[in-house]
Amino acid sequence: MKKISVFALLAIMPVVGAMAESNKNMQKQPTYWSVTEVVEMPDNTPVVMRGRIRQNMGEQMYLFEDSSGTIMLEIDEEDWNGNTVRVDDYVTIYGNVDKSGRVAEIDVTSVEK
């Protein structure tokens, strides 16, 4: 009986390993939040967004747009990660919701092109 149990365990191990690798790969895919979702989130909520930076508003503030709307981003120089972004470039924004009353903006921690 023990021989059968050991055999069954050895047969299952590759399947379990493949499932764990598949789950690991699924966790690498970020969930992209839309502007309309982000404006409803509480202060300091971490978010990942995909869209376009439409305009430099000055003082490290930028207008971001996705298919659902627009929101202001605050992007410090080091958060650009050396990327040069043009108006029509799609970017991924990593940051945190920054709310002042009912007005939301994103304090960006990283920009990926």
N, C-alpha and C. Protein backbone atom coordinates (compact mmCIF):
# COMPACT_ATOMS: atom_id res chain seq x y z
N MET A 1 0.82 -1.20 0.00
CA MET A 1 0.00 0.00 0.00
C MET A 1 0.86 1.26 0.00
N LYS A 2 1.99 1.23 0.76
CA LYS A 2 2.86 2.40 0.81
C LYS A 2 3.49 2.67 -0.54
N LYS A 3 3.78 1.62 -1.33
CA LYS A 3 4.37 1.81 -2.65
C LYS A 3 3.41 2.57 -3.56
N ILE A 4 2.14 2.29 -3.46
CA ILE A 4 1.14 2.97 -4.27
C ILE A 4 1.05 4.44 -3.86
N SER A 5 1.09 4.75 -2.58
CA SER A 5 1.01 6.12 -2.10
C SER A 5 2.21 6.93 -2.57
N VAL A 6 3.40 6.36 -2.49
CA VAL A 6 4.60 7.06 -2.94
C VAL A 6 4.52 7.30 -4.45
N PHE A 7 4.07 6.31 -5.20
CA PHE A 7 3.93 6.45 -6.64
C PHE A 7 2.93 7.55 -6.98
N ALA A 8 1.80 7.55 -6.28
CA ALA A 8 0.77 8.57 -6.53
C ALA A 8 1.31 9.96 -6.22
N LEU A 9 2.06 10.10 -5.14
CA LEU A 9 2.65 11.38 -4.77
C LEU A 9 3.63 11.86 -5.83
N LEU A 10 4.48 10.96 -6.32
CA LEU A 10 5.44 11.32 -7.35
C LEU A 10 4.75 11.69 -8.66
N ALA A 11 3.64 11.06 -8.95
CA ALA A 11 2.90 11.37 -10.17
C ALA A 11 2.22 12.73 -10.09
N ILE A 12 1.80 13.13 -8.92
CA ILE A 12 1.06 14.40 -8.74
C ILE A 12 1.99 15.59 -8.66
N MET A 13 3.22 15.42 -8.18
CA MET A 13 4.12 16.55 -7.96
C MET A 13 4.31 17.45 -9.18
N PRO A 14 4.53 16.93 -10.40
CA PRO A 14 4.68 17.84 -11.54
C PRO A 14 3.42 18.67 -11.82
N VAL A 15 2.26 18.09 -11.58
CA VAL A 15 1.00 18.81 -11.78
C VAL A 15 0.89 19.96 -10.78
N VAL A 16 1.22 19.70 -9.53
CA VAL A 16 1.17 20.74 -8.50
C VAL A 16 2.16 21.85 -8.82
N GLY A 17 3.35 21.49 -9.27
CA GLY A 17 4.36 22.48 -9.64
C GLY A 17 3.88 23.35 -10.80
N ALA A 18 3.26 22.74 -11.79
CA ALA A 18 2.75 23.50 -12.94
C ALA A 18 1.63 24.44 -12.51
N MET A 19 0.78 23.99 -11.61
CA MET A 19 -0.31 24.85 -11.11
C MET A 19 0.26 26.03 -10.34
N ALA A 20 1.28 25.81 -9.54
CA ALA A 20 1.90 26.89 -8.77
C ALA A 20 2.54 27.90 -9.71
N GLU A 21 3.21 27.44 -10.75
CA GLU A 21 3.84 28.35 -11.73
C GLU A 21 2.78 29.15 -12.47
N SER A 22 1.68 28.49 -12.83
CA SER A 22 0.59 29.19 -13.52
C SER A 22 0.00 30.27 -12.62
N ASN A 23 -0.20 29.96 -11.35
CA ASN A 23 -0.73 30.94 -10.40
C ASN A 23 0.24 32.10 -10.22
N LYS A 24 1.54 31.81 -10.19
CA LYS A 24 2.56 32.84 -10.05
C LYS A 24 2.52 33.79 -11.24
N ASN A 25 2.36 33.26 -12.45
CA ASN A 25 2.29 34.09 -13.65
C ASN A 25 1.04 34.95 -13.65
N MET A 26 -0.07 34.43 -13.15
CA MET A 26 -1.31 35.20 -13.10
C MET A 26 -1.16 36.37 -12.13
N GLN A 27 -0.41 36.20 -11.06
CA GLN A 27 -0.24 37.26 -10.08
C GLN A 27 0.60 38.41 -10.62
N LYS A 28 1.41 38.19 -11.65
CA LYS A 28 2.24 39.23 -12.23
C LYS A 28 1.42 40.20 -13.06
N GLN A 29 0.23 39.82 -13.51
CA GLN A 29 -0.62 40.68 -14.32
C GLN A 29 -1.29 41.71 -13.42
N PRO A 30 -0.97 43.00 -13.59
CA PRO A 30 -1.61 44.01 -12.74
C PRO A 30 -3.06 44.23 -13.14
N THR A 31 -3.85 44.65 -12.19
CA THR A 31 -5.21 45.07 -12.47
C THR A 31 -5.16 46.56 -12.76
N TYR A 32 -5.62 46.95 -13.94
CA TYR A 32 -5.64 48.36 -14.30
C TYR A 32 -6.96 48.97 -13.85
N TRP A 33 -6.86 50.08 -13.13
CA TRP A 33 -8.03 50.79 -12.66
C TRP A 33 -8.34 51.93 -13.62
N SER A 34 -9.61 52.19 -13.86
CA SER A 34 -10.01 53.30 -14.71
C SER A 34 -10.11 54.57 -13.88
N VAL A 35 -10.10 55.70 -14.56
CA VAL A 35 -10.24 56.98 -13.86
C VAL A 35 -11.54 57.01 -13.06
N THR A 36 -12.64 56.55 -13.64
CA THR A 36 -13.91 56.59 -12.91
C THR A 36 -13.89 55.72 -11.67
N GLU A 37 -13.14 54.62 -11.68
CA GLU A 37 -13.01 53.79 -10.49
C GLU A 37 -12.12 54.46 -9.45
N VAL A 38 -11.03 55.05 -9.91
CA VAL A 38 -10.05 55.65 -9.00
C VAL A 38 -10.63 56.82 -8.22
N VAL A 39 -11.46 57.65 -8.84
CA VAL A 39 -11.99 58.82 -8.14
C VAL A 39 -12.91 58.44 -6.98
N GLU A 40 -13.38 57.20 -6.97
CA GLU A 40 -14.24 56.73 -5.88
C GLU A 40 -13.47 56.01 -4.77
N MET A 41 -12.18 55.79 -4.97
CA MET A 41 -11.37 55.05 -4.00
C MET A 41 -10.95 55.94 -2.84
N PRO A 42 -10.69 55.33 -1.68
CA PRO A 42 -10.22 56.10 -0.53
C PRO A 42 -8.79 56.62 -0.72
N ASP A 43 -8.44 57.62 0.06
CA ASP A 43 -7.11 58.20 0.07
C ASP A 43 -6.06 57.12 0.34
N ASN A 44 -4.91 57.24 -0.30
CA ASN A 44 -3.76 56.35 -0.14
C ASN A 44 -3.94 54.94 -0.71
N THR A 45 -4.98 54.71 -1.51
CA THR A 45 -5.17 53.40 -2.14
C THR A 45 -4.17 53.25 -3.28
N PRO A 46 -3.38 52.15 -3.29
CA PRO A 46 -2.45 51.93 -4.41
C PRO A 46 -3.23 51.58 -5.69
N VAL A 47 -2.81 52.16 -6.82
CA VAL A 47 -3.49 51.92 -8.09
C VAL A 47 -2.46 51.73 -9.21
N VAL A 48 -2.91 51.04 -10.26
CA VAL A 48 -2.17 50.91 -11.51
C VAL A 48 -3.15 51.31 -12.60
N MET A 49 -2.72 52.25 -13.46
CA MET A 49 -3.60 52.76 -14.51
C MET A 49 -2.88 52.71 -15.85
N ARG A 50 -3.66 52.57 -16.91
CA ARG A 50 -3.10 52.54 -18.27
C ARG A 50 -3.83 53.57 -19.11
N GLY A 51 -3.08 54.44 -19.75
CA GLY A 51 -3.68 55.48 -20.58
C GLY A 51 -2.62 56.40 -21.13
N ARG A 52 -2.99 57.66 -21.34
CA ARG A 52 -2.08 58.64 -21.94
C ARG A 52 -1.97 59.87 -21.05
N ILE A 53 -0.75 60.41 -21.00
CA ILE A 53 -0.55 61.70 -20.35
C ILE A 53 -0.79 62.74 -21.43
N ARG A 54 -1.85 63.52 -21.27
CA ARG A 54 -2.29 64.43 -22.32
C ARG A 54 -1.66 65.81 -22.26
N GLN A 55 -1.31 66.27 -21.05
CA GLN A 55 -0.82 67.64 -20.97
C GLN A 55 0.01 67.85 -19.71
N ASN A 56 1.10 68.61 -19.86
CA ASN A 56 1.90 69.05 -18.72
C ASN A 56 1.24 70.31 -18.18
N MET A 57 0.80 70.26 -16.94
CA MET A 57 0.10 71.39 -16.33
C MET A 57 1.05 72.28 -15.53
N GLY A 58 2.35 71.93 -15.48
CA GLY A 58 3.33 72.68 -14.72
C GLY A 58 3.42 72.19 -13.29
N GLU A 59 4.54 72.53 -12.61
CA GLU A 59 4.73 72.16 -11.20
C GLU A 59 4.59 70.66 -10.96
N GLN A 60 5.09 69.84 -11.87
CA GLN A 60 5.06 68.37 -11.77
C GLN A 60 3.64 67.80 -11.84
N MET A 61 2.70 68.55 -12.36
CA MET A 61 1.31 68.09 -12.50
C MET A 61 1.02 67.82 -13.97
N TYR A 62 0.32 66.71 -14.23
CA TYR A 62 0.02 66.27 -15.59
C TYR A 62 -1.42 65.80 -15.67
N LEU A 63 -2.03 66.02 -16.84
CA LEU A 63 -3.38 65.55 -17.08
C LEU A 63 -3.30 64.17 -17.73
N PHE A 64 -3.92 63.19 -17.09
CA PHE A 64 -3.92 61.80 -17.56
C PHE A 64 -5.31 61.47 -18.09
N GLU A 65 -5.35 60.66 -19.16
CA GLU A 65 -6.63 60.30 -19.77
C GLU A 65 -6.66 58.81 -20.08
N ASP A 66 -7.80 58.19 -19.75
CA ASP A 66 -8.07 56.84 -20.25
C ASP A 66 -9.45 56.89 -20.90
N SER A 67 -9.99 55.76 -21.27
CA SER A 67 -11.28 55.74 -21.98
C SER A 67 -12.44 56.20 -21.12
N SER A 68 -12.24 56.30 -19.80
CA SER A 68 -13.35 56.67 -18.91
C SER A 68 -13.32 58.12 -18.45
N GLY A 69 -12.18 58.81 -18.66
CA GLY A 69 -12.11 60.20 -18.21
C GLY A 69 -10.70 60.68 -17.98
N THR A 70 -10.58 61.77 -17.22
CA THR A 70 -9.27 62.37 -16.95
C THR A 70 -9.08 62.56 -15.45
N ILE A 71 -7.80 62.61 -15.05
CA ILE A 71 -7.43 62.84 -13.66
C ILE A 71 -6.04 63.48 -13.64
N MET A 72 -5.76 64.23 -12.61
CA MET A 72 -4.46 64.86 -12.47
C MET A 72 -3.48 63.88 -11.82
N LEU A 73 -2.22 63.95 -12.31
CA LEU A 73 -1.13 63.15 -11.77
C LEU A 73 -0.07 64.10 -11.23
N GLU A 74 0.54 63.73 -10.12
CA GLU A 74 1.73 64.42 -9.64
C GLU A 74 2.89 63.46 -9.85
N ILE A 75 3.84 63.86 -10.72
CA ILE A 75 4.95 62.99 -11.06
C ILE A 75 6.26 63.71 -10.75
N ASP A 76 7.00 63.21 -9.77
CA ASP A 76 8.32 63.75 -9.46
C ASP A 76 9.31 63.27 -10.51
N GLU A 77 10.38 64.00 -10.69
CA GLU A 77 11.38 63.72 -11.73
C GLU A 77 11.87 62.27 -11.69
N GLU A 78 12.18 61.75 -10.51
CA GLU A 78 12.72 60.39 -10.42
C GLU A 78 11.69 59.31 -10.76
N ASP A 79 10.41 59.65 -10.74
CA ASP A 79 9.36 58.66 -11.01
C ASP A 79 9.17 58.37 -12.50
N TRP A 80 9.81 59.17 -13.36
CA TRP A 80 9.74 58.94 -14.81
C TRP A 80 10.60 57.75 -15.23
N ASN A 81 11.53 57.32 -14.39
CA ASN A 81 12.41 56.18 -14.68
C ASN A 81 13.17 56.35 -16.00
N GLY A 82 13.51 57.57 -16.34
CA GLY A 82 14.26 57.84 -17.56
C GLY A 82 13.43 57.81 -18.83
N ASN A 83 12.12 57.62 -18.73
CA ASN A 83 11.25 57.56 -19.90
C ASN A 83 10.97 58.96 -20.45
N THR A 84 10.96 59.07 -21.77
CA THR A 84 10.48 60.27 -22.44
C THR A 84 9.12 59.91 -23.01
N VAL A 85 8.09 60.63 -22.59
CA VAL A 85 6.72 60.29 -22.97
C VAL A 85 6.15 61.40 -23.86
N ARG A 86 5.58 60.99 -24.99
CA ARG A 86 4.89 61.91 -25.88
C ARG A 86 3.39 61.79 -25.66
N VAL A 87 2.65 62.75 -26.18
CA VAL A 87 1.20 62.81 -25.96
C VAL A 87 0.47 61.54 -26.38
N ASP A 88 0.86 60.92 -27.48
CA ASP A 88 0.14 59.74 -27.96
C ASP A 88 0.66 58.42 -27.41
N ASP A 89 1.66 58.46 -26.55
CA ASP A 89 2.22 57.24 -25.97
C ASP A 89 1.33 56.69 -24.86
N TYR A 90 1.06 55.40 -24.91
CA TYR A 90 0.38 54.75 -23.79
C TYR A 90 1.40 54.49 -22.70
N VAL A 91 1.02 54.74 -21.46
CA VAL A 91 1.89 54.51 -20.32
C VAL A 91 1.13 53.75 -19.24
N THR A 92 1.90 53.10 -18.39
CA THR A 92 1.35 52.48 -17.19
C THR A 92 1.80 53.33 -16.01
N ILE A 93 0.84 53.72 -15.20
CA ILE A 93 1.07 54.58 -14.05
C ILE A 93 0.89 53.75 -12.78
N TYR A 94 1.88 53.79 -11.91
CA TYR A 94 1.79 53.17 -10.58
C TYR A 94 1.77 54.32 -9.58
N GLY A 95 0.84 54.29 -8.65
CA GLY A 95 0.80 55.37 -7.68
C GLY A 95 -0.23 55.12 -6.60
N ASN A 96 -0.56 56.20 -5.90
CA ASN A 96 -1.53 56.14 -4.80
C ASN A 96 -2.54 57.27 -4.97
N VAL A 97 -3.78 56.96 -4.63
CA VAL A 97 -4.83 57.97 -4.66
C VAL A 97 -4.51 59.03 -3.61
N ASP A 98 -4.62 60.28 -4.00
CA ASP A 98 -4.41 61.41 -3.10
C ASP A 98 -5.67 62.25 -3.13
N LYS A 99 -6.45 62.17 -2.06
CA LYS A 99 -7.73 62.88 -2.01
C LYS A 99 -7.67 64.08 -1.09
N SER A 100 -8.24 65.15 -1.59
CA SER A 100 -8.44 66.35 -0.80
C SER A 100 -9.92 66.66 -0.91
N GLY A 101 -10.69 66.31 0.12
CA GLY A 101 -12.15 66.41 0.03
C GLY A 101 -12.65 65.40 -0.98
N ARG A 102 -13.41 65.85 -1.97
CA ARG A 102 -13.93 64.95 -3.01
C ARG A 102 -13.05 64.94 -4.26
N VAL A 103 -11.99 65.76 -4.28
CA VAL A 103 -11.11 65.83 -5.44
C VAL A 103 -9.99 64.79 -5.30
N ALA A 104 -9.86 63.97 -6.33
CA ALA A 104 -8.82 62.93 -6.31
C ALA A 104 -7.78 63.22 -7.38
N GLU A 105 -6.55 62.94 -7.04
CA GLU A 105 -5.46 62.93 -8.01
C GLU A 105 -4.58 61.74 -7.65
N ILE A 106 -3.58 61.48 -8.49
CA ILE A 106 -2.70 60.34 -8.26
C ILE A 106 -1.30 60.85 -7.95
N ASP A 107 -0.75 60.40 -6.83
CA ASP A 107 0.65 60.65 -6.49
C ASP A 107 1.42 59.49 -7.10
N VAL A 108 2.07 59.74 -8.21
CA VAL A 108 2.72 58.69 -9.01
C VAL A 108 4.03 58.25 -8.36
N THR A 109 4.25 56.94 -8.33
CA THR A 109 5.50 56.39 -7.82
C THR A 109 6.37 55.85 -8.95
N SER A 110 5.76 55.56 -10.11
CA SER A 110 6.52 55.03 -11.24
C SER A 110 5.72 55.16 -12.54
N VAL A 111 6.45 55.47 -13.63
CA VAL A 111 5.86 55.54 -14.96
C VAL A 111 6.57 54.52 -15.84
N GLU A 112 5.82 53.67 -16.52
CA GLU A 112 6.39 52.71 -17.48
C GLU A 112 5.82 53.00 -18.85
N LYS A 113 6.67 52.94 -19.84
CA LYS A 113 6.24 53.19 -21.22
C LYS A 113 6.06 51.88 -21.94
